């Protein structure tokens, strides 16, 4: 709910606008999280977008070696194959 408050403030300030028909457009449904399917969808969108509000320089998750390791590890496990 703390994360939802950040998103609500962005809506209220006019910083965030969303297209009709997507789950986040039904933001007040977050009140029922995690008891409804729609509220869980909204919750997942909230979690996914928070780092975008603060940018990569504000996130402690972008410092250090692990982001490059994480993304490159997938290539070590299995190379990308592009269809023709």
Protein backbone atom coordinates (compact mmCIF):
# COMPACT_ATOMS: atom_id res chain seq x y z
CA UNK A 1 0.00 0.00 0.00
CA UNK A 2 2.94 2.34 0.54
CA UNK A 3 3.99 1.76 -3.07
CA UNK A 4 0.41 2.39 -4.19
CA UNK A 5 0.49 5.76 -2.41
CA UNK A 6 3.49 6.80 -4.51
CA UNK A 7 1.58 5.94 -7.68
CA UNK A 8 -1.55 7.71 -6.40
CA UNK A 9 0.50 10.86 -5.78
CA UNK A 10 1.80 10.67 -9.36
CA UNK A 11 -1.79 10.41 -10.63
CA UNK A 12 -2.87 13.27 -8.38
CA UNK A 13 0.01 15.51 -9.50
CA UNK A 14 -0.73 14.84 -13.17
CA UNK A 15 2.66 13.16 -13.65
CA UNK A 16 1.12 9.79 -14.48
CA UNK A 17 -1.56 9.23 -17.07
CA UNK A 18 -2.69 5.83 -18.32
CA UNK A 19 -4.76 4.59 -21.21
CA UNK A 20 -8.35 3.53 -20.61
CA UNK A 21 -8.88 -0.19 -20.52
CA UNK A 22 -5.60 -1.22 -18.89
CA UNK A 23 -5.63 -2.53 -15.30
CA UNK A 24 -3.88 0.54 -13.89
CA UNK A 25 -6.76 2.69 -15.15
CA UNK A 26 -8.86 1.01 -12.46
CA UNK A 27 -6.44 2.16 -9.76
CA UNK A 28 -8.96 2.48 -6.87
CA UNK A 29 -9.39 -1.33 -7.04
CA UNK A 30 -5.97 -1.57 -5.32
CA UNK A 31 -7.93 -1.11 -2.09
CA UNK A 32 -8.95 -4.77 -2.35
CA UNK A 33 -5.40 -6.09 -2.85
CA UNK A 34 -4.72 -9.07 -2.79
CA UNK A 35 -8.30 -10.34 -2.69
CA UNK A 36 -9.31 -9.72 -6.30
CA UNK A 37 -7.70 -10.63 -9.61
CA UNK A 38 -7.83 -7.01 -10.81
CA UNK A 39 -6.19 -5.71 -7.63
CA UNK A 40 -3.35 -8.22 -8.04
CA UNK A 41 -2.83 -7.07 -11.65
CA UNK A 42 -2.72 -3.46 -10.50
CA UNK A 43 -0.30 -4.36 -7.71
CA UNK A 44 2.06 -6.01 -10.17
CA UNK A 45 2.02 -2.90 -12.38
CA UNK A 46 2.73 -0.69 -9.38
CA UNK A 47 5.76 -2.77 -8.39
CA UNK A 48 7.03 -2.82 -11.97
CA UNK A 49 6.86 0.95 -12.45
CA UNK A 50 8.31 2.32 -9.22
CA UNK A 51 11.97 2.22 -10.22
CA UNK A 52 11.01 4.15 -13.35
CA UNK A 53 9.79 7.05 -11.21
CA UNK A 54 13.10 7.45 -9.46
CA UNK A 55 15.47 6.56 -12.29
CA UNK A 56 18.48 4.28 -12.33
CA UNK A 57 20.65 6.63 -10.28
CA UNK A 58 18.26 6.49 -7.34
CA UNK A 59 17.98 2.72 -7.16
CA UNK A 60 20.40 0.71 -5.08
CA UNK A 61 19.67 -2.22 -7.37
CA UNK A 62 21.64 -0.75 -10.27
CA UNK A 63 24.91 -0.31 -8.45
CA UNK A 64 27.47 -3.04 -8.30
CA UNK A 65 28.29 -5.89 -10.62
CA UNK A 66 25.17 -8.04 -10.36
CA UNK A 67 22.96 -6.38 -13.06
CA UNK A 68 25.51 -7.14 -15.81
CA UNK A 69 26.09 -10.59 -14.36
CA UNK A 70 22.35 -11.28 -14.23
CA UNK A 71 21.65 -10.30 -17.83
CA UNK A 72 24.76 -11.93 -19.26
CA UNK A 73 24.25 -15.14 -17.29
CA UNK A 74 21.25 -16.00 -19.45
CA UNK A 75 23.48 -15.88 -22.52
CA UNK A 76 25.92 -18.26 -20.87
CA UNK A 77 23.12 -20.69 -20.00
CA UNK A 78 21.54 -20.53 -23.44
CA UNK A 79 22.44 -18.43 -26.47
CA UNK A 80 19.82 -16.32 -28.17
CA UNK A 81 18.36 -17.77 -31.33
CA UNK A 82 16.75 -15.49 -33.84
CA UNK A 83 14.11 -16.92 -36.17
CA UNK A 84 14.40 -16.31 -39.86
